[in-house]
Amino acid sequence: STPADPTSWVLEGLAIPGRPHEGPKVFKL
């Protein structure tokens, strides 16, 4: 909730499983 603080991030876990991959990019359209 406070992205300017690097110590505030809480690990959620696996978001995209399955076949190995890299380079995620998130956007709204």
PDB file of all heavy atoms in Angstrom:
ATOM      1  N   SER A   1       0.820  -1.205   0.000  1.00  0.00           N
ATOM      2  CA  SER A   1       0.000   0.000   0.000  1.00  0.00           C
ATOM      3  C   SER A   1       0.855   1.256   0.000  1.00  0.00           C
ATOM      4  O   SER A   1       0.338   2.361  -0.147  1.00  0.00           O
ATOM      5  CB  SER A   1      -0.933   0.010   1.224  1.00  0.00           C
ATOM      6  OG  SER A   1      -1.835  -1.077   1.169  1.00  0.00           O
ATOM      7  N   THR A   2       2.179   1.094   0.173  1.00  0.00           N
ATOM      8  CA  THR A   2       3.116   2.222   0.182  1.00  0.00           C
ATOM      9  C   THR A   2       4.284   1.896  -0.753  1.00  0.00           C
ATOM     10  O   THR A   2       5.369   1.514  -0.302  1.00  0.00           O
ATOM     11  CB  THR A   2       3.625   2.508   1.606  1.00  0.00           C
ATOM     12  OG1 THR A   2       4.139   1.282   2.177  1.00  0.00           O
ATOM     13  CG2 THR A   2       2.517   3.034   2.488  1.00  0.00           C
ATOM     14  N   PRO A   3       4.075   2.015  -2.073  1.00  0.00           N
ATOM     15  CA  PRO A   3       5.085   1.556  -3.035  1.00  0.00           C
ATOM     16  C   PRO A   3       6.409   2.291  -2.975  1.00  0.00           C
ATOM     17  O   PRO A   3       7.414   1.783  -3.493  1.00  0.00           O
ATOM     18  CB  PRO A   3       4.387   1.767  -4.381  1.00  0.00           C
ATOM     19  CG  PRO A   3       3.339   2.793  -4.120  1.00  0.00           C
ATOM     20  CD  PRO A   3       2.874   2.551  -2.724  1.00  0.00           C
ATOM     21  N   ALA A   4       6.460   3.462  -2.350  1.00  0.00           N
ATOM     22  CA  ALA A   4       7.723   4.192  -2.256  1.00  0.00           C
ATOM     23  C   ALA A   4       8.672   3.586  -1.230  1.00  0.00           C
ATOM     24  O   ALA A   4       9.850   3.954  -1.185  1.00  0.00           O
ATOM     25  CB  ALA A   4       7.471   5.656  -1.914  1.00  0.00           C
ATOM     26  N   ASP A   5       8.177   2.657  -0.407  1.00  0.00           N
ATOM     27  CA  ASP A   5       8.988   2.042   0.643  1.00  0.00           C
ATOM     28  C   ASP A   5       9.351   0.618   0.233  1.00  0.00           C
ATOM     29  O   ASP A   5       8.490  -0.264   0.220  1.00  0.00           O
ATOM     30  CB  ASP A   5       8.198   2.027   1.953  1.00  0.00           C
ATOM     31  CG  ASP A   5       8.973   1.381   3.097  1.00  0.00           C
ATOM     32  OD1 ASP A   5      10.145   0.997   2.898  1.00  0.00           O
ATOM     33  OD2 ASP A   5       8.388   1.254   4.190  1.00  0.00           O
ATOM     34  N   PRO A   6      10.621   0.358  -0.107  1.00  0.00           N
ATOM     35  CA  PRO A   6      10.987  -0.995  -0.556  1.00  0.00           C
ATOM     36  C   PRO A   6      10.837  -2.065   0.517  1.00  0.00           C
ATOM     37  O   PRO A   6      10.781  -3.252   0.197  1.00  0.00           O
ATOM     38  CB  PRO A   6      12.448  -0.836  -0.992  1.00  0.00           C
ATOM     39  CG  PRO A   6      12.938   0.363  -0.278  1.00  0.00           C
ATOM     40  CD  PRO A   6      11.761   1.283  -0.139  1.00  0.00           C
ATOM     41  N   THR A   7      10.764  -1.665   1.794  1.00  0.00           N
ATOM     42  CA  THR A   7      10.599  -2.647   2.868  1.00  0.00           C
ATOM     43  C   THR A   7       9.133  -3.025   3.087  1.00  0.00           C
ATOM     44  O   THR A   7       8.844  -3.913   3.892  1.00  0.00           O
ATOM     45  CB  THR A   7      11.172  -2.116   4.193  1.00  0.00           C
ATOM     46  OG1 THR A   7      10.374  -1.008   4.652  1.00  0.00           O
ATOM     47  CG2 THR A   7      12.618  -1.676   4.018  1.00  0.00           C
ATOM     48  N   SER A   8       8.209  -2.374   2.364  1.00  0.00           N
ATOM     49  CA  SER A   8       6.784  -2.591   2.618  1.00  0.00           C
ATOM     50  C   SER A   8       6.189  -3.712   1.772  1.00  0.00           C
ATOM     51  O   SER A   8       5.053  -4.137   2.030  1.00  0.00           O
ATOM     52  CB  SER A   8       6.004  -1.294   2.333  1.00  0.00           C
ATOM     53  OG  SER A   8       6.004  -1.000   0.938  1.00  0.00           O
ATOM     54  N   TRP A   9       6.938  -4.201   0.788  1.00  0.00           N
ATOM     55  CA  TRP A   9       6.383  -5.221  -0.095  1.00  0.00           C
ATOM     56  C   TRP A   9       6.194  -6.545   0.644  1.00  0.00           C
ATOM     57  O   TRP A   9       7.075  -7.005   1.349  1.00  0.00           O
ATOM     58  CB  TRP A   9       7.292  -5.438  -1.295  1.00  0.00           C
ATOM     59  CG  TRP A   9       7.357  -4.265  -2.232  1.00  0.00           C
ATOM     60  CD1 TRP A   9       8.305  -3.280  -2.243  1.00  0.00           C
ATOM     61  CD2 TRP A   9       6.445  -3.952  -3.276  1.00  0.00           C
ATOM     62  NE1 TRP A   9       8.042  -2.371  -3.230  1.00  0.00           N
ATOM     63  CE2 TRP A   9       6.900  -2.761  -3.883  1.00  0.00           C
ATOM     64  CE3 TRP A   9       5.285  -4.561  -3.765  1.00  0.00           C
ATOM     65  CZ2 TRP A   9       6.236  -2.160  -4.954  1.00  0.00           C
ATOM     66  CZ3 TRP A   9       4.625  -3.971  -4.828  1.00  0.00           C
ATOM     67  CH2 TRP A   9       5.097  -2.791  -5.417  1.00  0.00           C
ATOM     68  N   VAL A  10       5.026  -7.156   0.440  1.00  0.00           N
ATOM     69  CA  VAL A  10       4.699  -8.443   1.059  1.00  0.00           C
ATOM     70  C   VAL A  10       4.537  -9.476  -0.055  1.00  0.00           C
ATOM     71  O   VAL A  10       3.744  -9.276  -0.985  1.00  0.00           O
ATOM     72  CB  VAL A  10       3.406  -8.352   1.889  1.00  0.00           C
ATOM     73  CG1 VAL A  10       3.035  -9.731   2.439  1.00  0.00           C
ATOM     74  CG2 VAL A  10       3.575  -7.343   3.021  1.00  0.00           C
ATOM     75  N   LEU A  11       5.275 -10.559   0.039  1.00  0.00           N
ATOM     76  CA  LEU A  11       5.217 -11.612  -0.970  1.00  0.00           C
ATOM     77  C   LEU A  11       3.834 -12.254  -0.979  1.00  0.00           C
ATOM     78  O   LEU A  11       3.327 -12.667   0.058  1.00  0.00           O
ATOM     79  CB  LEU A  11       6.283 -12.665  -0.686  1.00  0.00           C
ATOM     80  CG  LEU A  11       6.353 -13.856  -1.644  1.00  0.00           C
ATOM     81  CD1 LEU A  11       6.738 -13.397  -3.046  1.00  0.00           C
ATOM     82  CD2 LEU A  11       7.345 -14.892  -1.127  1.00  0.00           C
ATOM     83  N   GLU A  12       3.219 -12.328  -2.163  1.00  0.00           N
ATOM     84  CA  GLU A  12       1.929 -13.007  -2.313  1.00  0.00           C
ATOM     85  C   GLU A  12       2.099 -14.447  -2.785  1.00  0.00           C
ATOM     86  O   GLU A  12       1.396 -15.335  -2.338  1.00  0.00           O
ATOM     87  CB  GLU A  12       1.049 -12.251  -3.310  1.00  0.00           C
ATOM     88  CG  GLU A  12       0.514 -10.941  -2.790  1.00  0.00           C
ATOM     89  CD  GLU A  12      -0.488 -10.333  -3.746  1.00  0.00           C
ATOM     90  OE1 GLU A  12      -0.154 -10.144  -4.930  1.00  0.00           O
ATOM     91  OE2 GLU A  12      -1.620 -10.035  -3.312  1.00  0.00           O
ATOM     92  N   GLY A  13       3.011 -14.662  -3.730  1.00  0.00           N
ATOM     93  CA  GLY A  13       3.232 -16.014  -4.215  1.00  0.00           C
ATOM     94  C   GLY A  13       3.075 -16.116  -5.715  1.00  0.00           C
ATOM     95  O   GLY A  13       3.183 -15.133  -6.453  1.00  0.00           O
ATOM     96  N   LEU A  14       2.785 -17.334  -6.172  1.00  0.00           N
ATOM     97  CA  LEU A  14       2.723 -17.641  -7.591  1.00  0.00           C
ATOM     98  C   LEU A  14       1.532 -16.939  -8.245  1.00  0.00           C
ATOM     99  O   LEU A  14       0.399 -17.072  -7.805  1.00  0.00           O
ATOM    100  CB  LEU A  14       2.597 -19.157  -7.770  1.00  0.00           C
ATOM    101  CG  LEU A  14       2.576 -19.700  -9.191  1.00  0.00           C
ATOM    102  CD1 LEU A  14       3.872 -19.394  -9.912  1.00  0.00           C
ATOM    103  CD2 LEU A  14       2.315 -21.212  -9.158  1.00  0.00           C
ATOM    104  N   ALA A  15       1.814 -16.207  -9.326  1.00  0.00           N
ATOM    105  CA  ALA A  15       0.762 -15.501 -10.052  1.00  0.00           C
ATOM    106  C   ALA A  15       0.450 -16.166 -11.391  1.00  0.00           C
ATOM    107  O   ALA A  15      -0.716 -16.320 -11.761  1.00  0.00           O
ATOM    108  CB  ALA A  15       1.160 -14.041 -10.284  1.00  0.00           C
ATOM    109  N   ILE A  16       1.494 -16.542 -12.151  1.00  0.00           N
ATOM    110  CA  ILE A  16       1.323 -17.193 -13.443  1.00  0.00           C
ATOM    111  C   ILE A  16       2.114 -18.493 -13.411  1.00  0.00           C
ATOM    112  O   ILE A  16       3.345 -18.494 -13.485  1.00  0.00           O
ATOM    113  CB  ILE A  16       1.820 -16.316 -14.608  1.00  0.00           C
ATOM    114  CG1 ILE A  16       1.152 -14.943 -14.583  1.00  0.00           C
ATOM    115  CG2 ILE A  16       1.576 -17.016 -15.938  1.00  0.00           C
ATOM    116  CD1 ILE A  16      -0.334 -14.962 -14.850  1.00  0.00           C
ATOM    117  N   PRO A  17       1.462 -19.653 -13.291  1.00  0.00           N
ATOM    118  CA  PRO A  17       2.143 -20.939 -13.201  1.00  0.00           C
ATOM    119  C   PRO A  17       2.371 -21.546 -14.587  1.00  0.00           C
ATOM    120  O   PRO A  17       2.083 -20.940 -15.617  1.00  0.00           O
ATOM    121  CB  PRO A  17       1.164 -21.787 -12.394  1.00  0.00           C
ATOM    122  CG  PRO A  17      -0.184 -21.268 -12.817  1.00  0.00           C
ATOM    123  CD  PRO A  17       0.008 -19.795 -13.076  1.00  0.00           C
ATOM    124  N   GLY A  18       2.860 -22.792 -14.586  1.00  0.00           N
ATOM    125  CA  GLY A  18       2.938 -23.566 -15.818  1.00  0.00           C
ATOM    126  C   GLY A  18       4.259 -23.441 -16.534  1.00  0.00           C
ATOM    127  O   GLY A  18       5.328 -23.441 -15.910  1.00  0.00           O
ATOM    128  N   ARG A  19       4.196 -23.314 -17.847  1.00  0.00           N
ATOM    129  CA  ARG A  19       5.366 -23.266 -18.707  1.00  0.00           C
ATOM    130  C   ARG A  19       6.309 -22.146 -18.252  1.00  0.00           C
ATOM    131  O   ARG A  19       5.864 -21.020 -17.975  1.00  0.00           O
ATOM    132  CB  ARG A  19       4.920 -23.022 -20.149  1.00  0.00           C
ATOM    133  CG  ARG A  19       6.042 -23.022 -21.166  1.00  0.00           C
ATOM    134  CD  ARG A  19       5.496 -22.608 -22.532  1.00  0.00           C
ATOM    135  NE  ARG A  19       6.549 -22.577 -23.533  1.00  0.00           N
ATOM    136  CZ  ARG A  19       6.791 -23.555 -24.398  1.00  0.00           C
ATOM    137  NH1 ARG A  19       6.042 -24.652 -24.375  1.00  0.00           N
ATOM    138  NH2 ARG A  19       7.762 -23.453 -25.280  1.00  0.00           N
ATOM    139  N   PRO A  20       7.629 -22.406 -18.158  1.00  0.00           N
ATOM    140  CA  PRO A  20       8.567 -21.337 -17.778  1.00  0.00           C
ATOM    141  C   PRO A  20       8.457 -20.138 -18.720  1.00  0.00           C
ATOM    142  O   PRO A  20       8.173 -20.290 -19.912  1.00  0.00           O
ATOM    143  CB  PRO A  20       9.936 -22.014 -17.886  1.00  0.00           C
ATOM    144  CG  PRO A  20       9.651 -23.464 -17.689  1.00  0.00           C
ATOM    145  CD  PRO A  20       8.311 -23.700 -18.327  1.00  0.00           C
ATOM    146  N   HIS A  21       8.680 -18.958 -18.183  1.00  0.00           N
ATOM    147  CA  HIS A  21       8.557 -17.732 -18.962  1.00  0.00           C
ATOM    148  C   HIS A  21       9.294 -16.606 -18.243  1.00  0.00           C
ATOM    149  O   HIS A  21       9.864 -16.802 -17.166  1.00  0.00           O
ATOM    150  CB  HIS A  21       7.078 -17.373 -19.158  1.00  0.00           C
ATOM    151  CG  HIS A  21       6.324 -17.260 -17.873  1.00  0.00           C
ATOM    152  ND1 HIS A  21       5.598 -18.314 -17.346  1.00  0.00           N
ATOM    153  CD2 HIS A  21       6.203 -16.256 -16.974  1.00  0.00           C
ATOM    154  CE1 HIS A  21       5.043 -17.946 -16.199  1.00  0.00           C
ATOM    155  NE2 HIS A  21       5.403 -16.683 -15.965  1.00  0.00           N
ATOM    156  N   GLU A  22       9.275 -15.420 -18.825  1.00  0.00           N
ATOM    157  CA  GLU A  22       9.935 -14.263 -18.218  1.00  0.00           C
ATOM    158  C   GLU A  22       9.322 -12.977 -18.753  1.00  0.00           C
ATOM    159  O   GLU A  22       8.407 -13.002 -19.579  1.00  0.00           O
ATOM    160  CB  GLU A  22      11.437 -14.301 -18.512  1.00  0.00           C
ATOM    161  CG  GLU A  22      11.790 -14.258 -19.985  1.00  0.00           C
ATOM    162  CD  GLU A  22      13.265 -14.525 -20.233  1.00  0.00           C
ATOM    163  OE1 GLU A  22      13.989 -14.864 -19.274  1.00  0.00           O
ATOM    164  OE2 GLU A  22      13.701 -14.387 -21.394  1.00  0.00           O
ATOM    165  N   GLY A  23       9.827 -11.854 -18.245  1.00  0.00           N
ATOM    166  CA  GLY A  23       9.441 -10.556 -18.782  1.00  0.00           C
ATOM    167  C   GLY A  23       7.993 -10.168 -18.618  1.00  0.00           C
ATOM    168  O   GLY A  23       7.369  -9.702 -19.583  1.00  0.00           O
ATOM    169  N   PRO A  24       7.372 -10.314 -17.423  1.00  0.00           N
ATOM    170  CA  PRO A  24       5.965  -9.917 -17.295  1.00  0.00           C
ATOM    171  C   PRO A  24       5.783  -8.415 -17.508  1.00  0.00           C
ATOM    172  O   PRO A  24       6.650  -7.607 -17.167  1.00  0.00           O
ATOM    173  CB  PRO A  24       5.618 -10.308 -15.852  1.00  0.00           C
ATOM    174  CG  PRO A  24       6.929 -10.265 -15.125  1.00  0.00           C
ATOM    175  CD  PRO A  24       7.946 -10.742 -16.127  1.00  0.00           C
ATOM    176  N   LYS A  25       4.650  -8.064 -18.091  1.00  0.00           N
ATOM    177  CA  LYS A  25       4.254  -6.671 -18.259  1.00  0.00           C
ATOM    178  C   LYS A  25       2.762  -6.570 -18.035  1.00  0.00           C
ATOM    179  O   LYS A  25       1.983  -7.312 -18.653  1.00  0.00           O
ATOM    180  CB  LYS A  25       4.614  -6.172 -19.657  1.00  0.00           C
ATOM    181  CG  LYS A  25       4.144  -4.751 -19.949  1.00  0.00           C
ATOM    182  CD  LYS A  25       4.831  -3.736 -19.050  1.00  0.00           C
ATOM    183  CE  LYS A  25       4.295  -2.328 -19.306  1.00  0.00           C
ATOM    184  NZ  LYS A  25       4.977  -1.330 -18.446  1.00  0.00           N
ATOM    185  N   VAL A  26       2.329  -5.658 -17.149  1.00  0.00           N
ATOM    186  CA  VAL A  26       0.921  -5.510 -16.791  1.00  0.00           C
ATOM    187  C   VAL A  26       0.419  -4.158 -17.283  1.00  0.00           C
ATOM    188  O   VAL A  26       1.089  -3.133 -17.119  1.00  0.00           O
ATOM    189  CB  VAL A  26       0.730  -5.644 -15.268  1.00  0.00           C
ATOM    190  CG1 VAL A  26      -0.726  -5.379 -14.884  1.00  0.00           C
ATOM    191  CG2 VAL A  26       1.151  -7.039 -14.811  1.00  0.00           C
ATOM    192  N   PHE A  27      -0.782  -4.152 -17.865  1.00  0.00           N
ATOM    193  CA  PHE A  27      -1.369  -2.902 -18.359  1.00  0.00           C
ATOM    194  C   PHE A  27      -2.887  -3.058 -18.405  1.00  0.00           C
ATOM    195  O   PHE A  27      -3.422  -4.163 -18.269  1.00  0.00           O
ATOM    196  CB  PHE A  27      -0.831  -2.556 -19.760  1.00  0.00           C
ATOM    197  CG  PHE A  27      -1.058  -3.619 -20.783  1.00  0.00           C
ATOM    198  CD1 PHE A  27      -2.125  -3.547 -21.674  1.00  0.00           C
ATOM    199  CD2 PHE A  27      -0.205  -4.710 -20.875  1.00  0.00           C
ATOM    200  CE1 PHE A  27      -2.330  -4.534 -22.621  1.00  0.00           C
ATOM    201  CE2 PHE A  27      -0.395  -5.705 -21.822  1.00  0.00           C
ATOM    202  CZ  PHE A  27      -1.463  -5.612 -22.699  1.00  0.00           C
ATOM    203  N   LYS A  28      -3.573  -1.944 -18.594  1.00  0.00           N
ATOM    204  CA  LYS A  28      -5.032  -1.952 -18.660  1.00  0.00           C
ATOM    205  C   LYS A  28      -5.466  -1.509 -20.046  1.00  0.00           C
ATOM    206  O   LYS A  28      -4.940  -0.535 -20.602  1.00  0.00           O
ATOM    207  CB  LYS A  28      -5.621  -1.025 -17.599  1.00  0.00           C
ATOM    208  CG  LYS A  28      -7.122  -1.218 -17.370  1.00  0.00           C
ATOM    209  CD  LYS A  28      -7.606  -0.410 -16.175  1.00  0.00           C
ATOM    210  CE  LYS A  28      -9.083  -0.697 -15.887  1.00  0.00           C
ATOM    211  NZ  LYS A  28      -9.569   0.090 -14.724  1.00  0.00           N
ATOM    212  N   LEU A  29      -6.411  -2.243 -20.619  1.00  0.00           N
ATOM    213  CA  LEU A  29      -6.916  -1.920 -21.951  1.00  0.00           C
ATOM    214  C   LEU A  29      -8.316  -2.511 -22.088  1.00  0.00           C
ATOM    215  O   LEU A  29      -8.547  -3.654 -21.692  1.00  0.00           O
ATOM    216  CB  LEU A  29      -5.992  -2.492 -23.031  1.00  0.00           C
ATOM    217  CG  LEU A  29      -6.260  -2.047 -24.473  1.00  0.00           C
ATOM    218  CD1 LEU A  29      -5.944  -0.565 -24.652  1.00  0.00           C
ATOM    219  CD2 LEU A  29      -5.425  -2.875 -25.456  1.00  0.00           C
TER     220      LEU A  29
END
